[in-house]
Amino acid sequence: MGIGTKLDKLHFRARKNKWLGYFVIFCRIALAAGFVPSGMQKVLGERFTVLAVNHPMGNFLEAFYHTGYYYTFVGVMQVLAAILLLIPRTVTIGAFIYLPIILNICILSLAVRFDGSQITSPLMVCAVLYLLCWDYHKFRNIFPFNHSDSKSVLPQKNELIKNFPFKFFTGVFVVITLVVFHTRIFYTIMPRNTLNDCRKQCNEENDIDCYNFCNCIHNEGKSLEKCLEEFTKSKL
């Protein structure tokens, strides 16, 4: 049995469970709600952050704001992707537009350790990938796999099962837990959004080094890489 046939059967079994279908609807609405506000602010030419320019993310977003019609273009694509996700017939193309945008936001958030989307953006990436997996039958032939020769790759209404997929939603819970754990525990120190928030993570063991790091970011306006380098050296 080829890889394509195995994927077809796995996809067929998943589509038979109505609870997974309900989860698709939840993901579509949640993802659309995440892009419409931020996208409209770009379309209207407004800033969507109050972060200081000295902050790593604030510095990036300030430069992004001054890119002119590119800033507007990204906003238009965010709103378009959100609208397409809400229309049943265009969910797949909406997901394909959504994925590169949110993946870029996710990598950026992790790179600069931004609190605002450090947890939400990885979860949104997972949600988009889930939507694409759900509609795998629509684009499966672009992959070089041998697929099953069945006439229909989707279950009929009378084939739907009502059993709640405990294993699947347990997996969803585990993914969310791992994302939260990784983003909160993995990094030794974070720039946070403001100087006061940054200093709140300082404790008796690293007070001076931590305060110097926060001052380096929020007052001196140095890059995250430079401040982390100075912080690491001071710990030695």
Protein backbone atom coordinates (compact mmCIF):
# COMPACT_ATOMS: atom_id res chain seq x y z
CA MET A 1 0.00 0.00 0.00
CA GLY A 2 1.48 3.32 -1.11
CA ILE A 3 1.87 6.43 1.03
CA GLY A 4 -0.83 8.21 -0.97
CA THR A 5 -3.35 5.42 -0.38
CA LYS A 6 -2.61 5.40 3.35
CA LEU A 7 -3.14 9.17 3.50
CA ASP A 8 -6.38 8.80 1.57
CA LYS A 9 -7.71 6.24 4.06
CA LEU A 10 -6.59 8.27 7.07
CA HIS A 11 -8.22 11.36 5.61
CA PHE A 12 -11.41 9.42 4.84
CA ARG A 13 -11.68 8.14 8.43
CA ALA A 14 -11.12 11.64 9.83
CA ARG A 15 -13.82 13.14 7.62
CA LYS A 16 -16.33 10.63 8.98
CA ASN A 17 -16.19 12.10 12.48
CA LYS A 18 -18.60 15.00 12.94
CA TRP A 19 -16.69 16.39 15.94
CA LEU A 20 -13.63 16.95 13.79
CA GLY A 21 -15.91 18.80 11.40
CA TYR A 22 -17.07 21.04 14.24
CA PHE A 23 -13.43 21.72 15.09
CA VAL A 24 -12.88 22.84 11.49
CA ILE A 25 -15.64 25.43 11.88
CA PHE A 26 -14.09 26.65 15.14
CA CYS A 27 -10.65 27.00 13.50
CA ARG A 28 -12.09 28.90 10.54
CA ILE A 29 -13.88 31.43 12.75
CA ALA A 30 -10.98 31.82 15.19
CA LEU A 31 -8.43 32.35 12.42
CA ALA A 32 -10.64 34.86 10.63
CA ALA A 33 -11.16 36.77 13.89
CA GLY A 34 -7.40 36.90 14.34
CA PHE A 35 -6.69 38.55 10.99
CA VAL A 36 -9.59 40.93 10.38
CA PRO A 37 -8.72 43.57 13.07
CA SER A 38 -4.99 43.69 12.36
CA GLY A 39 -5.57 43.54 8.63
CA MET A 40 -8.06 46.40 8.64
CA GLN A 41 -5.68 48.60 10.63
CA LYS A 42 -3.10 48.15 7.89
CA VAL A 43 -5.65 48.81 5.15
CA LEU A 44 -6.68 52.03 6.92
CA GLY A 45 -3.04 53.05 7.31
CA GLU A 46 -3.03 52.93 11.10
CA ARG A 47 -0.37 51.63 13.45
CA PHE A 48 -1.45 48.55 15.37
CA THR A 49 1.02 48.66 18.24
CA VAL A 50 2.09 50.98 21.04
CA LEU A 51 5.47 49.32 21.49
CA ALA A 52 8.44 51.63 21.83
CA VAL A 53 10.78 51.85 18.87
CA ASN A 54 13.61 50.60 21.09
CA HIS A 55 11.76 47.33 21.56
CA PRO A 56 12.88 44.66 19.01
CA MET A 57 9.34 44.07 17.73
CA GLY A 58 8.48 47.76 17.98
CA ASN A 59 11.51 48.61 15.87
CA PHE A 60 10.46 46.10 13.21
CA LEU A 61 6.83 47.23 13.18
CA GLU A 62 7.83 50.89 12.90
CA ALA A 63 9.92 50.09 9.83
CA PHE A 64 7.08 47.92 8.50
CA TYR A 65 4.64 50.80 8.91
CA HIS A 66 6.83 53.02 6.75
CA THR A 67 6.99 50.57 3.83
CA GLY A 68 4.06 52.32 2.14
CA TYR A 69 1.81 50.24 -0.08
CA TYR A 70 3.50 47.00 1.06
CA TYR A 71 2.03 47.64 4.50
CA THR A 72 -1.40 48.08 2.91
CA PHE A 73 -0.92 45.02 0.71
CA VAL A 74 -0.27 42.76 3.69
CA GLY A 75 -3.41 44.10 5.36
CA VAL A 76 -5.49 43.43 2.24
CA MET A 77 -4.19 39.85 2.05
CA GLN A 78 -4.96 39.28 5.74
CA VAL A 79 -8.55 40.48 5.33
CA LEU A 80 -8.94 38.51 2.09
CA ALA A 81 -7.67 35.31 3.71
CA ALA A 82 -10.06 35.81 6.66
CA ILE A 83 -13.07 36.33 4.38
CA LEU A 84 -12.20 33.29 2.26
CA LEU A 85 -11.97 31.13 5.39
CA LEU A 86 -15.53 32.07 6.34
CA ILE A 87 -16.95 30.97 2.97
CA PRO A 88 -17.24 27.14 2.78
CA ARG A 89 -16.31 26.90 -0.90
CA THR A 90 -13.18 29.03 -0.56
CA VAL A 91 -11.77 27.71 2.72
CA THR A 92 -8.87 25.91 1.05
CA ILE A 93 -7.59 28.87 -0.96
CA GLY A 94 -8.06 31.05 2.11
CA ALA A 95 -5.90 28.64 4.12
CA PHE A 96 -3.20 28.66 1.44
CA ILE A 97 -3.10 32.49 1.57
CA TYR A 98 -3.24 32.51 5.38
CA LEU A 99 -0.41 30.03 5.95
CA PRO A 100 2.64 32.00 4.68
CA ILE A 101 1.45 35.15 6.46
CA ILE A 102 0.92 33.54 9.85
CA LEU A 103 4.07 31.41 9.49
CA ASN A 104 6.08 34.59 8.95
CA ILE A 105 4.45 36.19 12.01
CA CYS A 106 5.18 33.06 14.05
CA ILE A 107 8.88 32.92 13.14
CA LEU A 108 9.22 36.68 13.73
CA SER A 109 7.54 36.45 17.15
CA LEU A 110 9.83 33.64 18.25
CA ALA A 111 12.93 35.34 16.84
CA VAL A 112 12.38 38.59 18.76
CA ARG A 113 10.68 36.89 21.74
CA PHE A 114 7.51 38.96 21.42
CA ASP A 115 4.93 38.29 24.13
CA GLY A 116 2.01 39.50 22.03
CA SER A 117 1.97 36.60 19.58
CA GLN A 118 4.53 34.16 20.91
CA ILE A 119 1.86 31.67 21.93
CA THR A 120 -1.03 32.54 19.60
CA SER A 121 0.91 32.53 16.32
CA PRO A 122 2.25 28.93 16.64
CA LEU A 123 -1.27 27.76 17.52
CA MET A 124 -2.67 29.64 14.51
CA VAL A 125 -0.10 27.91 12.27
CA CYS A 126 -1.28 24.55 13.63
CA ALA A 127 -4.91 25.53 13.00
CA VAL A 128 -4.23 26.45 9.36
CA LEU A 129 -2.34 23.20 8.80
CA TYR A 130 -5.31 21.34 10.24
CA LEU A 131 -7.65 23.04 7.76
CA LEU A 132 -5.34 22.08 4.90
CA CYS A 133 -5.21 18.49 6.11
CA TRP A 134 -9.00 18.48 6.32
CA ASP A 135 -9.22 19.54 2.65
CA TYR A 136 -6.39 17.25 1.58
CA HIS A 137 -8.64 15.64 -1.03
CA LYS A 138 -8.79 18.93 -2.95
CA PHE A 139 -5.07 19.11 -3.68
CA ARG A 140 -3.76 15.60 -3.00
CA ASN A 141 -2.90 14.98 -6.66
CA ILE A 142 -0.09 17.56 -6.61
CA PHE A 143 1.90 15.12 -4.43
CA PRO A 144 3.85 12.33 -6.20
CA PHE A 145 2.04 9.55 -4.33
CA ASN A 146 -0.03 6.67 -5.65
CA HIS A 147 -3.56 7.36 -4.54
CA SER A 148 -6.46 4.97 -4.13
CA ASP A 149 -8.71 4.48 -7.14
CA SER A 150 -11.93 4.90 -5.17
CA LYS A 151 -14.55 7.01 -6.90
CA SER A 152 -15.12 9.12 -3.80
CA VAL A 153 -12.56 10.25 -1.24
CA LEU A 154 -15.22 11.74 1.05
CA PRO A 155 -17.63 9.84 3.30
CA GLN A 156 -21.34 10.05 2.63
CA LYS A 157 -23.69 11.55 5.20
CA ASN A 158 -24.96 8.14 6.32
CA GLU A 159 -21.37 7.06 6.99
CA LEU A 160 -20.66 9.75 9.60
CA ILE A 161 -19.88 8.45 13.06
CA LYS A 162 -20.89 10.12 16.31
CA ASN A 163 -18.15 8.86 18.59
CA PHE A 164 -16.24 11.70 20.22
CA PRO A 165 -12.55 11.59 19.08
CA PHE A 166 -10.88 11.67 22.50
CA LYS A 167 -7.44 10.82 21.06
CA PHE A 168 -7.57 13.69 18.58
CA PHE A 169 -8.59 16.35 21.09
CA THR A 170 -6.09 14.97 23.60
CA GLY A 171 -3.48 15.58 20.91
CA VAL A 172 -4.80 19.14 20.44
CA PHE A 173 -4.49 19.75 24.19
CA VAL A 174 -0.95 18.34 24.22
CA VAL A 175 0.08 20.61 21.31
CA ILE A 176 -1.33 23.70 23.06
CA THR A 177 0.39 22.72 26.32
CA LEU A 178 3.74 22.17 24.58
CA VAL A 179 3.52 25.53 22.79
CA VAL A 180 2.76 27.38 26.04
CA PHE A 181 5.45 25.46 27.93
CA HIS A 182 8.07 26.08 25.25
CA THR A 183 7.40 29.79 24.90
CA ARG A 184 7.30 30.41 28.66
CA ILE A 185 10.10 28.13 29.85
CA PHE A 186 12.54 27.89 26.96
CA TYR A 187 13.94 31.43 27.10
CA THR A 188 16.10 32.58 30.02
CA ILE A 189 15.06 36.21 29.66
CA MET A 190 12.56 38.16 27.57
CA PRO A 191 12.46 41.81 26.45
CA ARG A 192 8.73 42.03 27.26
CA ASN A 193 6.64 44.91 25.95
CA THR A 194 7.68 47.67 28.36
CA LEU A 195 10.57 48.44 30.71
CA ASN A 196 8.46 47.74 33.80
CA ASP A 197 7.23 44.42 32.41
CA CYS A 198 10.79 43.46 31.56
CA ARG A 199 12.01 44.20 35.09
CA LYS A 200 9.26 42.05 36.64
CA GLN A 201 11.10 38.91 35.53
CA CYS A 202 14.23 39.94 37.48
CA ASN A 203 14.91 38.10 40.73
CA GLU A 204 17.53 38.20 43.46
CA GLU A 205 19.89 35.94 41.53
CA ASN A 206 20.05 38.05 38.38
CA ASP A 207 18.83 41.49 39.47
CA ILE A 208 21.74 43.54 38.14
CA ASP A 209 22.23 41.55 34.94
CA CYS A 210 18.49 41.51 34.28
CA TYR A 211 18.09 45.24 34.90
CA ASN A 212 21.00 45.95 32.59
CA PHE A 213 19.40 43.82 29.88
CA CYS A 214 16.07 45.65 30.21
CA ASN A 215 17.84 49.01 30.12
CA CYS A 216 19.81 47.87 27.07
CA ILE A 217 16.57 47.10 25.21
CA HIS A 218 14.18 49.81 26.31
CA ASN A 219 16.45 52.77 27.11
CA GLU A 220 19.56 52.30 25.00
CA GLY A 221 17.70 50.87 22.01
CA LYS A 222 20.29 48.22 21.20
CA SER A 223 19.40 45.12 19.22
CA LEU A 224 18.11 42.02 20.97
CA GLU A 225 21.16 40.08 19.80
CA LYS A 226 23.56 42.65 21.27
CA CYS A 227 21.70 42.86 24.60
CA LEU A 228 21.57 39.07 24.89
CA GLU A 229 25.30 38.90 24.19
CA GLU A 230 26.00 41.41 26.97
CA PHE A 231 23.62 39.57 29.32
CA THR A 232 25.32 36.24 28.64
CA LYS A 233 28.80 37.69 29.18
CA SER A 234 27.73 39.23 32.49
CA LYS A 235 26.55 35.80 33.67
CA LEU A 236 29.97 34.25 33.13
